[in-house]
Protein backbone atom coordinates (compact mmCIF):
# COMPACT_ATOMS: atom_id res chain seq x y z
CA UNK A 1 46.96 -47.62 -98.10
CA UNK A 2 46.24 -47.29 -101.71
CA UNK A 3 48.03 -45.60 -104.87
CA UNK A 4 46.53 -42.71 -106.26
CA UNK A 5 47.04 -39.97 -108.93
CA UNK A 6 47.31 -36.21 -107.75
CA UNK A 7 43.48 -35.37 -107.78
CA UNK A 8 41.02 -33.61 -105.68
CA UNK A 9 41.81 -33.28 -102.66
CA UNK A 10 45.85 -33.63 -102.79
CA UNK A 11 46.15 -31.65 -105.96
CA UNK A 12 45.37 -28.84 -103.56
CA UNK A 13 47.64 -29.37 -101.66
CA UNK A 14 50.54 -29.42 -104.31
CA UNK A 15 51.52 -25.87 -105.57
CA UNK A 16 54.76 -26.95 -107.25
CA UNK A 17 55.86 -30.72 -109.13
CA UNK A 18 59.35 -31.80 -106.90
CA UNK A 19 60.65 -31.29 -110.09
CA UNK A 20 60.53 -27.40 -110.16
CA UNK A 21 63.43 -25.41 -109.84
CA UNK A 22 60.29 -22.87 -108.29
CA UNK A 23 60.61 -21.77 -104.46
CA UNK A 24 57.98 -24.07 -102.70
CA UNK A 25 55.93 -22.22 -100.70
CA UNK A 26 57.43 -21.77 -97.09
CA UNK A 27 55.48 -23.72 -93.72
CA UNK A 28 54.08 -21.06 -91.82
CA UNK A 29 54.90 -22.81 -88.50
CA UNK A 30 53.77 -20.75 -85.26
CA UNK A 31 54.65 -20.72 -81.86
CA UNK A 32 57.72 -23.50 -82.23
CA UNK A 33 60.65 -24.16 -79.68
CA UNK A 34 63.43 -25.40 -81.22
CA UNK A 35 64.63 -29.36 -81.80
CA UNK A 36 68.40 -29.20 -81.63
CA UNK A 37 70.91 -31.22 -84.21
CA UNK A 38 71.75 -33.26 -81.21
CA UNK A 39 68.44 -34.38 -80.78
CA UNK A 40 68.40 -36.05 -84.32
CA UNK A 41 72.01 -38.02 -83.26
CA UNK A 42 70.17 -39.22 -80.30
CA UNK A 43 67.52 -41.16 -82.17
CA UNK A 44 67.68 -45.10 -81.54
CA UNK A 45 66.61 -48.11 -83.92
CA UNK A 46 66.84 -50.02 -80.99
CA UNK A 47 64.93 -48.80 -78.74
CA UNK A 48 62.50 -48.06 -81.66
CA UNK A 49 63.07 -51.62 -82.67
CA UNK A 50 62.29 -52.96 -79.03
CA UNK A 51 58.65 -51.91 -78.64
CA UNK A 52 57.80 -53.67 -81.58
CA UNK A 53 58.71 -56.63 -80.36
CA UNK A 54 57.01 -55.98 -76.89
CA UNK A 55 54.12 -54.76 -79.14
CA UNK A 56 54.36 -57.65 -80.99
CA UNK A 57 54.52 -60.53 -77.59
CA UNK A 58 50.50 -58.87 -77.24
CA UNK A 59 49.36 -60.38 -80.74
CA UNK A 60 47.04 -59.20 -83.49
CA UNK A 61 45.95 -55.74 -82.91
CA UNK A 62 42.57 -54.83 -84.69
CA UNK A 63 39.98 -52.95 -83.56
CA UNK A 64 37.89 -53.72 -80.30
CA UNK A 65 41.02 -56.51 -79.55
CA UNK A 66 42.63 -57.57 -76.59
CA UNK A 67 45.80 -57.00 -77.91
CA UNK A 68 44.96 -53.50 -79.30
CA UNK A 69 43.96 -52.86 -75.59
CA UNK A 70 46.85 -53.85 -74.25
CA UNK A 71 49.09 -51.81 -76.63
CA UNK A 72 47.20 -49.26 -75.40
CA UNK A 73 48.47 -49.56 -72.01
CA UNK A 74 51.93 -50.52 -72.84
CA UNK A 75 51.97 -47.06 -74.86
CA UNK A 76 50.31 -45.64 -72.36
CA UNK A 77 52.65 -46.38 -69.01
CA UNK A 78 55.73 -45.69 -71.55
CA UNK A 79 54.63 -42.52 -72.15
CA UNK A 80 53.88 -41.09 -69.00
CA UNK A 81 57.14 -42.24 -67.62
CA UNK A 82 58.65 -40.49 -70.41
CA UNK A 83 56.56 -36.90 -68.68
CA UNK A 84 54.02 -37.66 -71.16
CA UNK A 85 50.54 -36.75 -70.50
CA UNK A 86 47.78 -39.07 -72.43
CA UNK A 87 44.87 -39.88 -73.65
CA UNK A 88 42.26 -41.74 -74.60
CA UNK A 89 39.60 -41.01 -77.35
CA UNK A 90 37.07 -43.22 -77.98
CA UNK A 91 33.80 -43.73 -80.66
CA UNK A 92 31.23 -45.77 -82.17
CA UNK A 93 31.03 -45.48 -86.18
CA UNK A 94 28.69 -47.86 -88.74
CA UNK A 95 31.46 -49.75 -90.61
CA UNK A 96 30.95 -52.55 -93.82
CA UNK A 97 31.24 -54.78 -90.79
CA UNK A 98 29.00 -53.30 -88.56
CA UNK A 99 28.71 -51.57 -85.96
CA UNK A 100 33.10 -50.90 -84.29
CA UNK A 101 34.24 -48.96 -80.84
CA UNK A 102 37.56 -47.40 -81.81
CA UNK A 103 40.28 -45.49 -79.59
CA UNK A 104 42.82 -43.69 -80.93
CA UNK A 105 45.97 -42.52 -78.46
CA UNK A 106 46.73 -38.75 -77.96
CA UNK A 107 50.29 -37.44 -75.68
CA UNK A 108 51.74 -34.12 -74.77
CA UNK A 109 54.37 -33.66 -72.84
CA UNK A 110 53.59 -31.57 -69.79
CA UNK A 111 55.18 -33.63 -66.15
CA UNK A 112 52.56 -31.40 -64.75
CA UNK A 113 49.42 -30.76 -64.50
CA UNK A 114 47.13 -31.71 -68.02
CA UNK A 115 47.53 -30.34 -71.24
CA UNK A 116 44.79 -28.05 -72.95
CA UNK A 117 43.73 -30.14 -75.09
CA UNK A 118 41.05 -27.19 -76.67
CA UNK A 119 43.92 -25.93 -78.51
CA UNK A 120 47.13 -28.01 -80.73
CA UNK A 121 50.62 -27.54 -80.41
CA UNK A 122 52.79 -26.51 -83.66
CA UNK A 123 52.96 -30.25 -85.22
CA UNK A 124 51.31 -33.40 -85.28
CA UNK A 125 53.13 -36.08 -85.15
CA UNK A 126 50.99 -39.52 -85.84
CA UNK A 127 51.05 -43.15 -87.43
CA UNK A 128 48.14 -45.81 -86.82
CA UNK A 129 48.44 -48.45 -84.09
CA UNK A 130 46.03 -50.28 -85.72
CA UNK A 131 47.08 -54.12 -87.47
CA UNK A 132 43.58 -55.28 -90.24
CA UNK A 133 41.94 -57.87 -88.39
CA UNK A 134 42.07 -60.96 -90.32
CA UNK A 135 39.55 -63.83 -89.69
CA UNK A 136 41.92 -66.88 -91.03
CA UNK A 137 45.15 -65.92 -90.22
CA UNK A 138 47.12 -64.25 -86.73
CA UNK A 139 48.56 -60.88 -89.04
CA UNK A 140 50.94 -59.49 -86.52
CA UNK A 141 51.87 -56.74 -88.60
CA UNK A 142 55.00 -55.79 -87.54
CA UNK A 143 56.04 -52.90 -89.99
CA UNK A 144 51.93 -52.21 -91.00
CA UNK A 145 51.73 -51.15 -87.94
CA UNK A 146 54.00 -51.66 -85.28
CA UNK A 147 57.05 -49.61 -87.00
CA UNK A 148 55.45 -46.67 -86.85
CA UNK A 149 54.07 -47.03 -83.36
CA UNK A 150 58.29 -48.77 -82.83
CA UNK A 151 59.65 -44.78 -84.46
CA UNK A 152 56.71 -42.50 -81.99
CA UNK A 153 57.92 -43.95 -79.08
CA UNK A 154 61.46 -43.08 -79.27
CA UNK A 155 60.38 -39.76 -81.03
CA UNK A 156 58.47 -39.00 -77.23
CA UNK A 157 62.08 -40.02 -75.41
CA UNK A 158 64.04 -37.81 -77.58
CA UNK A 159 61.54 -34.77 -76.95
CA UNK A 160 61.08 -35.48 -73.25
CA UNK A 161 65.17 -34.64 -73.22
CA UNK A 162 64.30 -31.23 -74.96
CA UNK A 163 61.30 -30.31 -73.71
CA UNK A 164 61.45 -26.74 -75.22
CA UNK A 165 60.65 -28.50 -78.38
CA UNK A 166 57.98 -31.19 -76.60
CA UNK A 167 55.95 -29.50 -75.31
CA UNK A 168 55.19 -28.00 -79.37
CA UNK A 169 54.25 -31.74 -80.26
CA UNK A 170 51.26 -34.05 -79.96
CA UNK A 171 51.47 -37.65 -80.75
CA UNK A 172 48.37 -39.50 -82.02
CA UNK A 173 48.12 -43.06 -82.30
CA UNK A 174 45.23 -43.63 -84.40
CA UNK A 175 43.21 -46.64 -84.56
CA UNK A 176 40.93 -48.13 -87.50
CA UNK A 177 43.54 -46.79 -90.16
CA UNK A 178 42.59 -49.99 -91.86
CA UNK A 179 39.32 -51.41 -94.14
CA UNK A 180 37.66 -52.96 -91.92
CA UNK A 181 36.49 -54.85 -95.98
CA UNK A 182 39.02 -55.84 -98.00
CA UNK A 183 39.30 -52.02 -99.57
CA UNK A 184 40.15 -49.07 -98.31
CA UNK A 185 37.67 -45.92 -99.87
CA UNK A 186 38.12 -42.68 -97.59
CA UNK A 187 34.83 -41.80 -96.32
CA UNK A 188 33.57 -45.61 -96.69
CA UNK A 189 35.66 -48.10 -95.22
CA UNK A 190 39.81 -47.58 -93.52
CA UNK A 191 40.60 -44.20 -92.35
CA UNK A 192 38.19 -44.14 -88.92
CA UNK A 193 41.14 -42.43 -86.24
CA UNK A 194 42.07 -40.15 -88.56
CA UNK A 195 38.63 -38.83 -90.03
CA UNK A 196 37.56 -38.56 -85.88
CA UNK A 197 40.61 -37.27 -85.34
CA UNK A 198 40.43 -34.31 -87.99
CA UNK A 199 36.54 -33.62 -87.17
CA UNK A 200 37.35 -33.20 -83.47
CA UNK A 201 40.85 -31.06 -84.96
CA UNK A 202 39.25 -28.64 -86.46
CA UNK A 203 37.11 -28.10 -83.61
CA UNK A 204 40.31 -26.63 -81.40
CA UNK A 205 40.45 -22.74 -80.70
CA UNK A 206 44.09 -23.64 -82.44
CA UNK A 207 45.55 -25.42 -85.39
CA UNK A 208 48.68 -27.62 -85.73
CA UNK A 209 50.98 -26.03 -88.72
CA UNK A 210 52.43 -29.32 -89.88
CA UNK A 211 50.67 -32.74 -89.50
CA UNK A 212 53.47 -35.54 -89.99
CA UNK A 213 52.21 -38.92 -90.74
CA UNK A 214 54.57 -42.22 -90.56
CA UNK A 215 53.74 -45.41 -91.94
CA UNK A 216 55.33 -48.48 -92.34
CA UNK A 217 58.64 -47.60 -91.60
CA UNK A 218 60.91 -50.64 -90.91
CA UNK A 219 61.97 -52.18 -94.16
CA UNK A 220 65.05 -51.53 -95.55
CA UNK A 221 64.97 -53.47 -98.71
CA UNK A 222 62.17 -50.17 -100.32
CA UNK A 223 62.68 -46.67 -100.18
CA UNK A 224 60.94 -44.22 -97.94
CA UNK A 225 57.96 -42.54 -99.96
CA UNK A 226 57.36 -39.09 -98.86
CA UNK A 227 53.68 -38.42 -100.62
CA UNK A 228 53.57 -35.86 -103.14
CA UNK A 229 50.87 -34.88 -101.95
CA UNK A 230 52.53 -33.59 -98.84
CA UNK A 231 52.66 -29.15 -98.81
CA UNK A 232 55.21 -28.00 -101.00
CA UNK A 233 57.30 -26.59 -98.40
CA UNK A 234 57.38 -30.05 -96.66
CA UNK A 235 58.06 -31.80 -99.30
CA UNK A 236 61.05 -29.32 -99.72
CA UNK A 237 62.17 -29.68 -96.46
CA UNK A 238 62.02 -33.66 -96.44
CA UNK A 239 65.03 -33.01 -100.12
CA UNK A 240 67.00 -30.82 -98.04
CA UNK A 241 66.89 -33.05 -94.67
CA UNK A 242 67.35 -36.77 -96.28
CA UNK A 243 70.53 -34.85 -98.58
CA UNK A 244 72.17 -33.09 -94.52
CA UNK A 245 71.41 -37.28 -92.79
CA UNK A 246 72.98 -38.64 -96.21
CA UNK A 247 69.96 -40.14 -96.91
CA UNK A 248 69.39 -40.50 -100.60
CA UNK A 249 69.35 -44.16 -101.32
CA UNK A 250 66.65 -44.70 -98.75
CA UNK A 251 64.62 -41.39 -99.74
CA UNK A 252 62.60 -41.24 -102.93
CA UNK A 253 60.37 -38.73 -104.62
CA UNK A 254 58.14 -40.61 -106.49
CA UNK A 255 55.98 -38.13 -107.72
CA UNK A 256 52.48 -40.24 -106.45
CA UNK A 257 49.86 -39.71 -103.54
CA UNK A 258 49.23 -42.56 -101.49
CA UNK A 259 45.54 -42.89 -99.47
CA UNK A 260 46.95 -43.18 -95.27
CA UNK A 261 45.40 -41.39 -92.59
CA UNK A 262 47.17 -37.77 -93.25
CA UNK A 263 44.13 -37.34 -96.23
CA UNK A 264 41.18 -37.18 -93.42
CA UNK A 265 43.63 -34.66 -91.46
CA UNK A 266 43.94 -32.59 -94.84
CA UNK A 267 40.11 -33.12 -96.00
CA UNK A 268 38.41 -32.33 -92.61
CA UNK A 269 40.77 -30.17 -90.78
CA UNK A 270 42.43 -28.54 -93.56
CA UNK A 271 46.63 -28.84 -92.26
CA UNK A 272 49.34 -28.91 -94.75
CA UNK A 273 51.26 -32.57 -94.22
CA UNK A 274 54.35 -34.45 -94.29
CA UNK A 275 53.44 -37.75 -95.68
CA UNK A 276 56.44 -39.84 -95.28
CA UNK A 277 55.55 -44.15 -96.09
CA UNK A 278 57.51 -47.11 -97.27
CA UNK A 279 56.87 -48.14 -101.09
CA UNK A 280 54.17 -50.93 -100.11
CA UNK A 281 53.91 -52.30 -103.07
CA UNK A 282 57.23 -53.70 -103.72
CA UNK A 283 56.53 -55.76 -99.81
CA UNK A 284 55.63 -59.23 -101.31
CA UNK A 285 54.26 -59.71 -97.36
CA UNK A 286 52.61 -56.59 -96.95
CA UNK A 287 48.57 -57.69 -95.57
CA UNK A 288 49.50 -61.66 -95.35
CA UNK A 289 51.02 -63.30 -92.00
CA UNK A 290 54.47 -62.96 -93.11
CA UNK A 291 54.86 -59.25 -92.00
CA UNK A 292 57.23 -60.14 -89.10
CA UNK A 293 60.01 -59.49 -86.92
CA UNK A 294 62.56 -60.60 -89.96
CA UNK A 295 61.16 -58.12 -92.23
CA UNK A 296 62.08 -54.92 -90.23
CA UNK A 297 65.43 -53.71 -88.78
CA UNK A 298 66.78 -51.27 -86.27
CA UNK A 299 68.94 -49.15 -89.06
CA UNK A 300 65.19 -48.33 -91.48
CA UNK A 301 63.72 -47.41 -88.03
CA UNK A 302 66.19 -45.22 -87.31
CA UNK A 303 66.47 -43.54 -90.48
CA UNK A 304 62.43 -42.90 -90.56
CA UNK A 305 62.66 -41.89 -87.44
CA UNK A 306 66.16 -38.93 -87.89
CA UNK A 307 64.14 -37.94 -90.92
CA UNK A 308 61.72 -37.24 -89.09
CA UNK A 309 63.30 -35.47 -86.18
CA UNK A 310 65.79 -33.85 -88.72
CA UNK A 311 62.75 -31.72 -90.76
CA UNK A 312 60.96 -30.51 -87.45
CA UNK A 313 65.21 -29.24 -86.66
CA UNK A 314 65.20 -28.08 -89.91
CA UNK A 315 62.33 -25.79 -89.32
CA UNK A 316 62.28 -25.09 -86.21
CA UNK A 317 65.74 -23.51 -86.48
CA UNK A 318 65.65 -21.05 -88.96
């Protein structure tokens, strides 16, 4: 992830400044089953933490690795037990280190039958599963990207108890978010899974009304940023949700954008997004071997999960 100024693609989605008094353009949400407030309250940060601890036991998760394959199997088994159908979406592409195989994992709630993958659900909730590849150290990536993965698995549990809402959500675990080389550059290195997914998404018969991307959300010592290239309506809903949950000290609206998996969703699929990411530039362990379990807490994970659910609750119960 790279913090950037608002230029190009990002600027197209920032119709009003975060601090302006003008009313933000509303999100056009279609066919959304309501998420009740009870669902928000049910989110367990401890459950999310337990999932991350399990993922950590598989070792590093760079693309094509044994750890990544074990993690995929764990996700599939966990989701299927909750009534979600999963689909592996594999592809190969050329990277700075040669041709690499990547696998995204898609999931939809459908206890019986098979999902229609040619159409989209109302919401996409996504994050990346892979860890940055290193040859000289063991990088477990507990916060980057274990935290978002754990939160999403707990979201799956909550949503499975509220089936009308779950039917309108697709969970996507991206592979290849991390650069294979030293530096992430859009269209050059990194964001492989989200780019491939977004290009396939635009070919579906219908498109989602909102994509939510979460990343690095487990550290209680830094705020969660709402990226300013998020859709203005989603930013407005995030402000309301932050206050409703009493998270004003835990969530920040910095007025900057960060290069992450939401950018391909905007660039290639042209859908509105909400980007929620921890302030990684103030994590001295980011992309080091010190990104370990002691850096995250159930409380921080719970904040991220409840914020995500609260935003969808507000949008679907208007």
